[in-house]
N, C-alpha and C. Protein backbone atom coordinates (compact mmCIF):
# COMPACT_ATOMS: atom_id res chain seq x y z
N MET A 1 -36.00 35.43 42.54
CA MET A 1 -35.99 35.48 40.83
C MET A 1 -37.19 34.12 40.07
N ASP A 2 -38.10 34.75 39.83
CA ASP A 2 -38.77 32.49 39.18
C ASP A 2 -38.06 32.78 38.05
N ASP A 3 -38.04 31.70 37.15
CA ASP A 3 -37.63 30.93 36.57
C ASP A 3 -37.73 32.18 35.09
N LYS A 4 -39.91 32.69 35.30
CA LYS A 4 -39.51 33.27 33.30
C LYS A 4 -38.67 34.56 33.40
N THR A 5 -38.64 35.57 34.81
CA THR A 5 -37.73 36.06 34.81
C THR A 5 -36.48 36.81 34.64
N GLU A 6 -35.57 34.90 35.60
CA GLU A 6 -34.68 34.47 34.93
C GLU A 6 -33.65 34.06 33.18
N ARG A 7 -34.69 33.43 33.38
CA ARG A 7 -34.95 33.66 32.26
C ARG A 7 -35.78 34.70 30.45
N SER A 8 -35.43 35.93 31.45
CA SER A 8 -35.69 37.17 30.33
C SER A 8 -34.60 38.16 30.66
N PHE A 9 -34.28 37.90 31.89
CA PHE A 9 -33.40 38.63 32.34
C PHE A 9 -31.98 38.28 30.83
N VAL A 10 -31.54 36.63 31.41
CA VAL A 10 -30.53 36.23 30.64
C VAL A 10 -30.96 36.20 28.94
N THR A 11 -32.23 36.44 28.35
CA THR A 11 -32.33 36.09 27.01
C THR A 11 -31.85 37.85 26.61
N GLY A 12 -32.48 38.14 27.12
CA GLY A 12 -32.16 40.40 27.24
C GLY A 12 -30.81 40.44 27.10
N TYR A 13 -30.19 40.42 27.86
CA TYR A 13 -28.91 40.17 28.68
C TYR A 13 -27.40 38.77 27.60
N THR A 14 -28.00 38.54 26.49
CA THR A 14 -27.15 37.35 26.33
C THR A 14 -27.46 38.37 24.43
N ALA A 15 -28.39 38.25 24.12
CA ALA A 15 -28.66 39.59 23.29
C ALA A 15 -28.30 40.87 23.22
N LEU A 16 -28.23 40.86 24.36
CA LEU A 16 -26.69 42.99 24.42
C LEU A 16 -26.11 42.32 23.61
N SER A 17 -24.85 40.72 24.49
CA SER A 17 -24.00 40.26 24.05
C SER A 17 -22.82 40.23 22.63
N LEU A 18 -24.32 39.45 23.01
CA LEU A 18 -24.09 39.28 20.84
C LEU A 18 -23.97 40.67 20.27
N GLY A 19 -24.51 41.20 20.47
CA GLY A 19 -25.17 42.26 19.75
C GLY A 19 -24.01 43.13 19.47
N LEU A 20 -23.41 43.33 21.20
CA LEU A 20 -21.90 44.46 21.17
C LEU A 20 -20.55 42.77 20.30
N VAL A 21 -20.81 42.42 20.52
CA VAL A 21 -19.43 41.35 20.39
C VAL A 21 -20.05 41.82 17.95
N MET A 22 -20.76 41.61 17.72
CA MET A 22 -20.68 41.56 16.53
C MET A 22 -21.29 43.40 15.50
N LEU A 23 -20.94 44.35 16.86
CA LEU A 23 -20.80 45.76 16.31
C LEU A 23 -19.79 46.44 15.31
N ASP A 24 -20.20 46.38 14.27
CA ASP A 24 -18.72 47.20 13.48
C ASP A 24 -17.65 46.58 13.57
N SER A 25 -18.33 44.55 13.03
CA SER A 25 -17.09 43.62 12.90
C SER A 25 -17.68 42.75 12.16
N SER A 26 -16.91 43.09 11.17
CA SER A 26 -18.54 41.83 9.65
C SER A 26 -17.25 39.62 10.35
N PRO A 27 -16.47 40.16 10.54
CA PRO A 27 -15.52 38.96 11.36
C PRO A 27 -16.38 38.39 12.32
N ASN A 28 -16.96 39.10 13.73
CA ASN A 28 -17.74 38.76 14.24
C ASN A 28 -18.99 38.55 13.95
N GLN A 29 -19.50 38.98 13.35
CA GLN A 29 -21.62 38.85 12.97
C GLN A 29 -20.70 38.02 11.37
N ALA A 30 -20.44 37.23 11.22
CA ALA A 30 -19.84 35.76 10.57
C ALA A 30 -20.78 35.09 11.63
N ILE A 31 -19.23 34.95 12.21
CA ILE A 31 -19.41 34.32 13.10
C ILE A 31 -20.33 33.58 13.87
N VAL A 32 -21.98 35.06 14.34
CA VAL A 32 -22.44 34.53 15.45
C VAL A 32 -23.76 33.77 14.34
N LEU A 33 -23.31 34.69 13.51
CA LEU A 33 -24.62 34.56 12.29
C LEU A 33 -24.44 32.65 12.20
N ASP A 34 -23.33 32.86 11.69
CA ASP A 34 -23.39 30.96 11.38
C ASP A 34 -22.75 30.04 12.02
N ALA A 35 -23.18 30.11 13.30
CA ALA A 35 -23.58 29.75 15.02
C ALA A 35 -24.88 30.05 15.24
N LEU A 36 -25.62 30.40 15.00
CA LEU A 36 -27.06 30.36 14.79
C LEU A 36 -27.76 30.20 12.84
N GLY A 37 -26.82 30.15 12.18
CA GLY A 37 -27.27 30.20 10.90
C GLY A 37 -28.42 29.02 10.48
N ALA A 38 -28.09 27.55 11.72
CA ALA A 38 -29.03 26.22 11.23
C ALA A 38 -30.34 26.53 12.22
N HIS A 39 -30.56 27.55 12.94
CA HIS A 39 -30.97 28.34 14.08
C HIS A 39 -32.26 29.65 13.42
N PRO A 40 -33.02 29.68 11.98
CA PRO A 40 -33.32 31.18 11.18
C PRO A 40 -34.36 31.48 12.87
N ASP A 41 -35.40 31.23 13.48
CA ASP A 41 -35.80 31.13 14.13
C ASP A 41 -34.94 32.01 16.04
N LYS A 42 -34.23 31.17 16.20
CA LYS A 42 -32.80 31.86 16.87
C LYS A 42 -32.98 33.51 16.78
N VAL A 43 -31.91 33.37 15.50
CA VAL A 43 -31.70 34.78 14.75
C VAL A 43 -32.87 36.16 14.82
N GLU A 44 -34.09 35.66 14.96
CA GLU A 44 -35.03 36.10 15.51
C GLU A 44 -35.62 36.75 16.23
N GLN A 45 -35.56 35.60 17.42
CA GLN A 45 -35.58 35.87 18.38
C GLN A 45 -34.95 36.27 19.15
N LEU A 46 -33.31 36.82 18.57
CA LEU A 46 -32.74 37.29 19.31
C LEU A 46 -32.94 39.09 19.34
N LEU A 47 -32.92 39.50 17.58
CA LEU A 47 -33.83 40.44 16.53
C LEU A 47 -34.99 40.84 18.20
N ARG A 48 -36.24 40.05 18.05
CA ARG A 48 -36.55 40.96 18.91
C ARG A 48 -36.48 40.92 19.92
N THR A 49 -35.70 40.42 20.66
CA THR A 49 -35.36 40.91 22.38
C THR A 49 -34.21 42.14 21.73
N MET A 50 -33.73 42.27 21.22
CA MET A 50 -33.04 43.31 20.97
C MET A 50 -33.67 44.75 20.46
N ASP A 51 -35.20 44.41 20.03
CA ASP A 51 -36.23 45.58 20.07
C ASP A 51 -37.24 45.76 21.49
N GLU A 52 -37.38 44.52 21.64
CA GLU A 52 -38.06 44.39 23.35
C GLU A 52 -36.77 45.15 24.44
N VAL A 53 -35.67 44.80 24.82
CA VAL A 53 -34.54 45.83 24.91
C VAL A 53 -34.18 47.10 24.82
N ALA A 54 -34.46 47.46 23.07
CA ALA A 54 -34.31 49.09 23.72
C ALA A 54 -36.38 49.73 23.65
N GLU A 55 -36.65 49.16 23.53
CA GLU A 55 -38.41 50.16 23.62
C GLU A 55 -38.07 50.63 25.58
N VAL A 56 -37.20 49.19 26.56
CA VAL A 56 -37.21 49.49 27.75
C VAL A 56 -36.34 50.86 28.09
N HIS A 57 -35.48 50.55 26.96
CA HIS A 57 -34.62 52.23 27.40
C HIS A 57 -34.80 53.07 26.78
N GLU A 58 -35.95 53.15 25.32
CA GLU A 58 -36.69 54.02 25.29
C GLU A 58 -37.70 54.45 26.13
N ARG A 59 -38.54 54.26 26.80
CA ARG A 59 -39.42 54.32 27.51
C ARG A 59 -38.60 54.57 29.05
N GLU A 60 -37.54 54.96 29.18
CA GLU A 60 -36.50 54.86 30.33
C GLU A 60 -36.43 56.44 30.11
N GLN A 61 -36.11 56.56 29.09
CA GLN A 61 -35.19 57.90 28.50
C GLN A 61 -36.63 58.85 28.37
N GLU A 62 -37.93 58.59 27.88
CA GLU A 62 -39.01 58.84 27.63
C GLU A 62 -39.20 59.41 29.41
N ASP A 63 -39.42 58.22 29.96
CA ASP A 63 -39.51 59.36 31.46
C ASP A 63 -39.12 60.12 32.13
N GLU A 64 -37.70 60.65 31.50
CA GLU A 64 -36.44 61.14 32.16
C GLU A 64 -36.82 62.15 31.36
N ARG A 65 -36.72 61.71 30.36
CA ARG A 65 -37.60 63.54 29.78
C ARG A 65 -39.02 64.02 30.21
N MET A 66 -39.84 63.33 30.68
CA MET A 66 -40.62 64.19 31.61
C MET A 66 -40.55 64.58 32.53
N ASP A 67 -39.43 63.73 33.55
CA ASP A 67 -39.57 64.63 34.77
C ASP A 67 -38.10 66.11 34.42
N GLY A 68 -38.20 65.68 33.42
CA GLY A 68 -36.85 66.96 33.02
C GLY A 68 -35.33 66.42 33.07
N ASP A 69 -35.07 65.67 33.19
CA ASP A 69 -33.78 65.49 33.10
C ASP A 69 -33.26 64.55 31.50
N GLY A 70 -33.89 64.06 30.67
CA GLY A 70 -33.75 63.60 30.17
C GLY A 70 -34.00 64.61 28.32
N ALA A 71 -32.86 63.97 27.41
CA ALA A 71 -32.87 64.65 26.16
C ALA A 71 -32.41 63.65 25.10
N GLY A 72 -33.50 63.42 24.65
CA GLY A 72 -33.32 62.89 22.83
C GLY A 72 -33.26 61.24 23.17
N MET A 73 -32.88 60.98 22.22
CA MET A 73 -33.26 59.65 21.81
C MET A 73 -32.25 58.97 23.19
N SER A 74 -32.75 57.58 23.56
CA SER A 74 -31.57 56.96 24.53
C SER A 74 -30.52 56.37 24.03
N ALA A 75 -29.13 56.99 23.67
CA ALA A 75 -27.92 56.16 23.48
C ALA A 75 -27.82 55.28 23.10
N VAL A 76 -28.29 54.52 24.16
CA VAL A 76 -28.10 52.49 24.50
C VAL A 76 -29.36 52.18 23.56
N ALA A 77 -30.73 52.68 23.15
CA ALA A 77 -31.47 52.57 22.34
C ALA A 77 -30.94 52.64 21.29
N GLU A 78 -30.89 54.43 20.68
CA GLU A 78 -29.74 53.70 19.34
C GLU A 78 -28.70 52.69 19.41
N ALA A 79 -27.67 52.16 19.77
CA ALA A 79 -26.92 51.73 20.02
C ALA A 79 -27.65 49.95 19.72
N ILE A 80 -28.49 50.26 20.02
CA ILE A 80 -29.20 48.70 19.84
C ILE A 80 -29.57 48.63 19.12
N ARG A 81 -30.36 49.67 18.46
CA ARG A 81 -30.98 49.49 17.06
C ARG A 81 -30.36 49.53 15.96
N ARG A 82 -29.36 49.97 15.84
CA ARG A 82 -27.98 49.87 15.41
C ARG A 82 -27.55 48.05 15.15
N MET A 83 -27.43 48.27 15.71
CA MET A 83 -26.39 46.68 16.24
C MET A 83 -27.64 45.76 15.77
N ALA A 84 -29.45 45.47 16.03
CA ALA A 84 -29.69 44.49 15.68
C ALA A 84 -30.56 45.34 13.77
N SER A 85 -30.13 46.12 12.76
CA SER A 85 -30.44 46.19 12.17
C SER A 85 -28.97 45.68 11.25
N ALA A 86 -27.44 45.84 11.95
CA ALA A 86 -26.55 45.33 11.27
C ALA A 86 -27.10 43.71 10.97
N VAL A 87 -27.53 43.50 12.60
CA VAL A 87 -27.69 42.12 12.10
C VAL A 87 -28.94 41.14 11.43
N SER A 88 -29.87 41.94 11.33
CA SER A 88 -31.37 41.82 10.12
C SER A 88 -30.10 41.59 9.26
N GLU A 89 -29.74 42.90 8.56
CA GLU A 89 -29.30 42.90 7.29
C GLU A 89 -28.20 41.94 7.39
N ARG A 90 -26.83 41.08 7.29
CA ARG A 90 -26.31 40.13 7.27
C ARG A 90 -27.17 39.14 7.54
N ALA A 91 -27.83 39.08 8.03
CA ALA A 91 -28.42 37.71 8.06
C ALA A 91 -29.43 37.69 6.91
N GLY A 92 -29.62 38.21 6.42
CA GLY A 92 -30.93 39.07 5.18
C GLY A 92 -32.82 38.63 5.70
N LEU A 93 -32.59 39.29 6.58
CA LEU A 93 -34.36 39.68 7.35
C LEU A 93 -34.84 40.18 6.81
């Protein structure tokens, strides 16, 4: 695995992990966003990464739907979008 691929993989899963920690937990959202508060560019990067991961899941779901296996929006993508929305709202973006 090259450095760029590895960095992308780690960034994606870090964004998901932070999103899951914050999901439906105002105290956890406050802790994570306060930690990132001095770095608004990092919050924006987190949101972009979450969006990219959601898009990957949506494309995967679309491929499955075209094969006749999938139905509706990816539950994973929907959860990621909900996490990103909560982060964005909490961060005031």
